[in-house]
Amino acid sequence: MKDKRNIRYLGFRSGADGARFFDFSVSETESPNLLTSFEIPAHLFSGDGRIRLQEGVGICYAKLKHLLECGPSADVPSTLCLTASDLAQYREVPGRPVKSRNAAPAPGSQWDEHRHEH
């Protein structure tokens, strides 16, 4: 029987210097719950290509989903940092709506190259 996985967005918190943390819970039938947070640095919320809070949820969700598809949930760090490269990669995927929460990353994408533990 295949494990059922549920990814749930819990909310966001303000961090130092205007950064935001987006919190997620991952539950699986055969594993304990995983709690993980994505830090989005303040500089990504300003300028021409700035990220909106709502967009941040979708990008973090897509990145988390991809990480879970690439390996076991135990390999996902408790804190990850979203980078400008992650943002650009998410926005460059042809045919993906900007606000989509369930869209898969582009084939051959390298989300995990930008994984940072804190």
N, C-alpha and C. Protein backbone atom coordinates (compact mmCIF):
# COMPACT_ATOMS: atom_id res chain seq x y z
N MET A 1 0.84 -1.18 0.00
CA MET A 1 0.00 0.00 0.00
C MET A 1 0.88 1.24 0.00
N LYS A 2 0.56 2.19 -0.85
CA LYS A 2 1.35 3.41 -0.97
C LYS A 2 1.03 4.36 0.18
N ASP A 3 2.10 4.98 0.72
CA ASP A 3 1.91 5.97 1.79
C ASP A 3 1.11 7.15 1.29
N LYS A 4 0.21 7.61 2.11
CA LYS A 4 -0.52 8.83 1.78
C LYS A 4 0.21 9.99 2.44
N ARG A 5 0.43 11.05 1.67
CA ARG A 5 1.16 12.22 2.17
C ARG A 5 0.26 13.43 2.08
N ASN A 6 0.27 14.22 3.15
CA ASN A 6 -0.51 15.44 3.19
C ASN A 6 0.41 16.59 3.57
N ILE A 7 0.48 17.61 2.71
CA ILE A 7 1.27 18.81 3.00
C ILE A 7 0.30 19.91 3.37
N ARG A 8 0.51 20.49 4.52
CA ARG A 8 -0.41 21.53 5.00
C ARG A 8 0.35 22.81 5.33
N TYR A 9 -0.12 23.92 4.78
CA TYR A 9 0.44 25.23 5.08
C TYR A 9 -0.12 25.69 6.43
N LEU A 10 0.76 26.06 7.35
CA LEU A 10 0.33 26.44 8.70
C LEU A 10 0.24 27.95 8.90
N GLY A 11 0.95 28.73 8.08
CA GLY A 11 0.94 30.18 8.22
C GLY A 11 2.34 30.74 8.09
N PHE A 12 2.43 32.07 8.23
CA PHE A 12 3.75 32.69 8.15
C PHE A 12 4.02 33.51 9.39
N ARG A 13 5.30 33.71 9.63
CA ARG A 13 5.78 34.52 10.75
C ARG A 13 6.76 35.55 10.23
N SER A 14 6.83 36.69 10.89
CA SER A 14 7.82 37.70 10.55
C SER A 14 9.14 37.34 11.19
N GLY A 15 10.22 37.57 10.44
CA GLY A 15 11.55 37.32 10.95
C GLY A 15 12.33 38.61 11.09
N ALA A 16 13.58 38.47 11.40
CA ALA A 16 14.45 39.63 11.56
C ALA A 16 14.61 40.38 10.24
N ASP A 17 14.66 41.68 10.33
CA ASP A 17 14.93 42.55 9.17
C ASP A 17 13.92 42.39 8.03
N GLY A 18 12.69 42.03 8.32
CA GLY A 18 11.65 41.95 7.30
C GLY A 18 11.53 40.61 6.59
N ALA A 19 12.31 39.63 6.99
CA ALA A 19 12.20 38.29 6.40
C ALA A 19 10.87 37.67 6.84
N ARG A 20 10.44 36.66 6.12
CA ARG A 20 9.22 35.93 6.49
C ARG A 20 9.54 34.45 6.53
N PHE A 21 8.89 33.74 7.44
CA PHE A 21 9.00 32.29 7.54
C PHE A 21 7.64 31.68 7.22
N PHE A 22 7.62 30.76 6.28
CA PHE A 22 6.40 30.06 5.90
C PHE A 22 6.49 28.65 6.46
N ASP A 23 5.54 28.30 7.32
CA ASP A 23 5.57 27.03 8.03
C ASP A 23 4.65 26.00 7.39
N PHE A 24 5.15 24.76 7.29
CA PHE A 24 4.41 23.65 6.70
C PHE A 24 4.51 22.43 7.60
N SER A 25 3.48 21.61 7.54
CA SER A 25 3.45 20.31 8.21
C SER A 25 3.25 19.25 7.14
N VAL A 26 4.02 18.16 7.24
CA VAL A 26 3.89 17.05 6.32
C VAL A 26 3.54 15.82 7.15
N SER A 27 2.41 15.22 6.82
CA SER A 27 2.03 13.99 7.52
C SER A 27 1.99 12.86 6.50
N GLU A 28 2.48 11.71 6.93
CA GLU A 28 2.50 10.50 6.11
C GLU A 28 2.00 9.34 6.95
N THR A 29 1.41 8.36 6.30
CA THR A 29 0.84 7.24 7.03
C THR A 29 1.88 6.46 7.83
N GLU A 30 3.05 6.30 7.28
CA GLU A 30 4.06 5.45 7.91
C GLU A 30 5.20 6.23 8.59
N SER A 31 5.05 7.55 8.74
CA SER A 31 6.13 8.36 9.31
C SER A 31 5.56 9.37 10.29
N PRO A 32 6.39 9.80 11.24
CA PRO A 32 5.94 10.88 12.13
C PRO A 32 5.81 12.18 11.34
N ASN A 33 5.00 13.10 11.86
CA ASN A 33 4.82 14.40 11.20
C ASN A 33 6.14 15.14 11.11
N LEU A 34 6.30 15.84 10.00
CA LEU A 34 7.47 16.67 9.75
C LEU A 34 7.02 18.12 9.77
N LEU A 35 7.73 18.95 10.51
CA LEU A 35 7.48 20.39 10.49
C LEU A 35 8.69 21.04 9.84
N THR A 36 8.43 21.89 8.86
CA THR A 36 9.53 22.58 8.19
C THR A 36 9.11 24.01 7.89
N SER A 37 10.09 24.90 7.82
CA SER A 37 9.85 26.32 7.54
C SER A 37 10.76 26.77 6.41
N PHE A 38 10.21 27.64 5.58
CA PHE A 38 10.99 28.27 4.53
C PHE A 38 11.19 29.72 4.91
N GLU A 39 12.44 30.15 4.93
CA GLU A 39 12.73 31.56 5.15
C GLU A 39 12.80 32.25 3.79
N ILE A 40 12.09 33.36 3.68
CA ILE A 40 12.20 34.19 2.49
C ILE A 40 12.81 35.52 2.96
N PRO A 41 14.04 35.81 2.53
CA PRO A 41 14.71 37.03 2.96
C PRO A 41 13.96 38.29 2.53
N ALA A 42 14.10 39.34 3.31
CA ALA A 42 13.39 40.61 3.08
C ALA A 42 13.64 41.18 1.69
N HIS A 43 14.85 41.04 1.16
CA HIS A 43 15.15 41.65 -0.15
C HIS A 43 14.31 41.06 -1.28
N LEU A 44 13.77 39.85 -1.09
CA LEU A 44 12.93 39.25 -2.14
C LEU A 44 11.52 39.85 -2.15
N PHE A 45 11.18 40.65 -1.12
CA PHE A 45 9.88 41.31 -1.05
C PHE A 45 9.91 42.75 -1.56
N SER A 46 11.03 43.16 -2.17
CA SER A 46 11.13 44.53 -2.67
C SER A 46 11.68 44.53 -4.09
N GLY A 47 11.52 45.65 -4.78
CA GLY A 47 12.03 45.80 -6.13
C GLY A 47 11.03 45.35 -7.19
N ASP A 48 11.46 45.43 -8.43
CA ASP A 48 10.59 45.13 -9.57
C ASP A 48 10.08 43.69 -9.57
N GLY A 49 10.93 42.73 -9.29
CA GLY A 49 10.53 41.33 -9.33
C GLY A 49 10.12 40.78 -7.99
N ARG A 50 9.66 41.65 -7.11
CA ARG A 50 9.37 41.24 -5.74
C ARG A 50 8.33 40.12 -5.68
N ILE A 51 8.41 39.38 -4.62
CA ILE A 51 7.49 38.29 -4.36
C ILE A 51 6.36 38.80 -3.47
N ARG A 52 5.15 38.35 -3.73
CA ARG A 52 4.01 38.68 -2.87
C ARG A 52 3.85 37.56 -1.86
N LEU A 53 3.25 37.87 -0.71
CA LEU A 53 3.07 36.85 0.33
C LEU A 53 2.34 35.63 -0.22
N GLN A 54 1.26 35.85 -0.98
CA GLN A 54 0.49 34.74 -1.51
C GLN A 54 1.32 33.89 -2.47
N GLU A 55 2.16 34.54 -3.25
CA GLU A 55 3.03 33.83 -4.18
C GLU A 55 4.07 33.01 -3.41
N GLY A 56 4.52 33.54 -2.29
CA GLY A 56 5.50 32.83 -1.46
C GLY A 56 5.00 31.48 -0.99
N VAL A 57 3.74 31.41 -0.63
CA VAL A 57 3.14 30.15 -0.19
C VAL A 57 3.23 29.11 -1.31
N GLY A 58 2.83 29.50 -2.53
CA GLY A 58 2.85 28.58 -3.66
C GLY A 58 4.24 28.11 -4.03
N ILE A 59 5.20 29.02 -4.00
CA ILE A 59 6.57 28.66 -4.34
C ILE A 59 7.15 27.70 -3.30
N CYS A 60 6.93 28.01 -2.02
CA CYS A 60 7.44 27.13 -0.96
C CYS A 60 6.77 25.77 -1.02
N TYR A 61 5.48 25.74 -1.27
CA TYR A 61 4.75 24.48 -1.39
C TYR A 61 5.32 23.64 -2.52
N ALA A 62 5.53 24.25 -3.69
CA ALA A 62 6.07 23.52 -4.84
C ALA A 62 7.47 22.99 -4.56
N LYS A 63 8.28 23.79 -3.89
CA LYS A 63 9.64 23.36 -3.58
C LYS A 63 9.61 22.21 -2.58
N LEU A 64 8.77 22.30 -1.56
CA LEU A 64 8.66 21.23 -0.57
C LEU A 64 8.15 19.95 -1.22
N LYS A 65 7.14 20.06 -2.05
CA LYS A 65 6.59 18.90 -2.74
C LYS A 65 7.68 18.22 -3.58
N HIS A 66 8.46 19.02 -4.29
CA HIS A 66 9.54 18.47 -5.11
C HIS A 66 10.59 17.76 -4.23
N LEU A 67 10.97 18.36 -3.13
CA LEU A 67 11.95 17.73 -2.24
C LEU A 67 11.45 16.40 -1.72
N LEU A 68 10.17 16.33 -1.39
CA LEU A 68 9.59 15.10 -0.89
C LEU A 68 9.50 14.03 -1.98
N GLU A 69 9.33 14.43 -3.22
CA GLU A 69 9.29 13.48 -4.33
C GLU A 69 10.68 12.94 -4.64
N CYS A 70 11.72 13.70 -4.29
CA CYS A 70 13.11 13.31 -4.59
C CYS A 70 13.73 12.42 -3.51
N GLY A 71 13.14 12.40 -2.32
CA GLY A 71 13.73 11.61 -1.25
C GLY A 71 12.80 11.53 -0.06
N PRO A 72 13.24 10.81 0.96
CA PRO A 72 12.39 10.64 2.14
C PRO A 72 12.21 11.95 2.91
N SER A 73 11.09 12.05 3.61
CA SER A 73 10.81 13.26 4.36
C SER A 73 11.86 13.51 5.44
N ALA A 74 12.49 12.46 5.91
CA ALA A 74 13.53 12.62 6.94
C ALA A 74 14.72 13.44 6.41
N ASP A 75 14.89 13.50 5.10
CA ASP A 75 16.00 14.26 4.50
C ASP A 75 15.69 15.75 4.35
N VAL A 76 14.45 16.15 4.58
CA VAL A 76 14.07 17.56 4.45
C VAL A 76 14.45 18.29 5.75
N PRO A 77 15.28 19.33 5.67
CA PRO A 77 15.68 20.05 6.87
C PRO A 77 14.51 20.79 7.51
N SER A 78 14.65 21.13 8.77
CA SER A 78 13.59 21.84 9.47
C SER A 78 13.45 23.29 9.00
N THR A 79 14.51 23.85 8.44
CA THR A 79 14.47 25.21 7.90
C THR A 79 15.20 25.24 6.57
N LEU A 80 14.55 25.83 5.58
CA LEU A 80 15.15 26.02 4.26
C LEU A 80 15.07 27.50 3.93
N CYS A 81 15.93 27.95 3.03
CA CYS A 81 15.94 29.35 2.65
C CYS A 81 15.63 29.48 1.17
N LEU A 82 14.58 30.20 0.84
CA LEU A 82 14.22 30.45 -0.55
C LEU A 82 15.20 31.48 -1.11
N THR A 83 15.68 31.24 -2.31
CA THR A 83 16.65 32.14 -2.93
C THR A 83 16.05 32.84 -4.15
N ALA A 84 16.75 33.84 -4.64
CA ALA A 84 16.33 34.52 -5.86
C ALA A 84 16.31 33.53 -7.02
N SER A 85 17.22 32.56 -7.03
CA SER A 85 17.24 31.53 -8.08
C SER A 85 15.99 30.67 -8.02
N ASP A 86 15.54 30.31 -6.81
CA ASP A 86 14.30 29.55 -6.66
C ASP A 86 13.13 30.34 -7.24
N LEU A 87 13.07 31.60 -6.90
CA LEU A 87 11.99 32.46 -7.37
C LEU A 87 12.00 32.55 -8.90
N ALA A 88 13.17 32.76 -9.48
CA ALA A 88 13.28 32.86 -10.94
C ALA A 88 12.91 31.54 -11.59
N GLN A 89 13.35 30.43 -11.03
CA GLN A 89 13.06 29.12 -11.59
C GLN A 89 11.56 28.85 -11.56
N TYR A 90 10.91 29.17 -10.47
CA TYR A 90 9.48 28.94 -10.35
C TYR A 90 8.72 29.77 -11.38
N ARG A 91 9.12 30.99 -11.56
CA ARG A 91 8.42 31.88 -12.49
C ARG A 91 8.69 31.53 -13.94
N GLU A 92 9.79 30.84 -14.25
CA GLU A 92 10.14 30.51 -15.63
C GLU A 92 9.46 29.26 -16.16
N VAL A 93 8.78 28.51 -15.31
CA VAL A 93 8.16 27.27 -15.76
C VAL A 93 7.01 27.60 -16.72
N PRO A 94 7.12 27.19 -17.99
CA PRO A 94 6.08 27.52 -18.96
C PRO A 94 4.75 26.87 -18.59
N GLY A 95 3.69 27.64 -18.71
CA GLY A 95 2.35 27.10 -18.49
C GLY A 95 1.93 27.00 -17.04
N ARG A 96 2.78 27.36 -16.11
CA ARG A 96 2.40 27.26 -14.70
C ARG A 96 1.83 28.59 -14.25
N PRO A 97 0.60 28.59 -13.73
CA PRO A 97 0.04 29.82 -13.18
C PRO A 97 0.86 30.26 -11.97
N VAL A 98 1.07 31.54 -11.82
CA VAL A 98 1.89 32.07 -10.73
C VAL A 98 1.36 31.67 -9.36
N LYS A 99 0.04 31.62 -9.19
CA LYS A 99 -0.53 31.33 -7.88
C LYS A 99 -0.79 29.85 -7.63
N SER A 100 -0.38 28.98 -8.53
CA SER A 100 -0.69 27.55 -8.39
C SER A 100 0.03 26.95 -7.19
N ARG A 101 -0.70 26.17 -6.40
CA ARG A 101 -0.10 25.50 -5.25
C ARG A 101 0.29 24.07 -5.58
N ASN A 102 -0.33 23.46 -6.59
CA ASN A 102 -0.14 22.04 -6.81
C ASN A 102 0.65 21.70 -8.07
N ALA A 103 1.15 22.70 -8.77
CA ALA A 103 1.88 22.42 -10.00
C ALA A 103 3.23 21.80 -9.69
N ALA A 104 3.65 20.88 -10.53
CA ALA A 104 4.94 20.23 -10.36
C ALA A 104 6.04 21.11 -10.93
N PRO A 105 7.26 21.00 -10.40
CA PRO A 105 8.38 21.76 -10.95
C PRO A 105 8.69 21.30 -12.37
N ALA A 106 9.41 22.12 -13.08
CA ALA A 106 9.79 21.78 -14.44
C ALA A 106 10.60 20.49 -14.45
N PRO A 107 10.43 19.64 -15.47
CA PRO A 107 11.22 18.42 -15.56
C PRO A 107 12.71 18.74 -15.52
N GLY A 108 13.44 18.01 -14.70
CA GLY A 108 14.88 18.21 -14.58
C GLY A 108 15.28 19.39 -13.73
N SER A 109 14.31 20.02 -13.04
CA SER A 109 14.67 21.18 -12.22
C SER A 109 15.53 20.74 -11.04
N GLN A 110 16.26 21.66 -10.51
CA GLN A 110 17.21 21.35 -9.44
C GLN A 110 16.89 22.12 -8.17
N TRP A 111 15.64 22.02 -7.69
CA TRP A 111 15.26 22.75 -6.47
C TRP A 111 16.24 22.49 -5.33
N ASP A 112 16.65 21.23 -5.19
CA ASP A 112 17.46 20.89 -4.03
C ASP A 112 18.87 21.45 -4.10
N GLU A 113 19.29 22.02 -5.23
CA GLU A 113 20.58 22.69 -5.27
C GLU A 113 20.60 23.91 -4.35
N HIS A 114 19.41 24.44 -4.07
CA HIS A 114 19.32 25.68 -3.30
C HIS A 114 18.88 25.44 -1.87
N ARG A 115 18.98 24.21 -1.41
CA ARG A 115 18.59 23.87 -0.05
C ARG A 115 19.64 24.40 0.91
N HIS A 116 19.18 25.06 1.95
CA HIS A 116 20.09 25.61 2.97
C HIS A 116 19.56 25.26 4.33
N GLU A 117 20.37 24.67 5.15
CA GLU A 117 19.95 24.42 6.53
C GLU A 117 20.41 25.58 7.38
N HIS A 118 19.63 25.89 8.40
CA HIS A 118 20.00 26.96 9.34
C HIS A 118 20.27 26.36 10.68
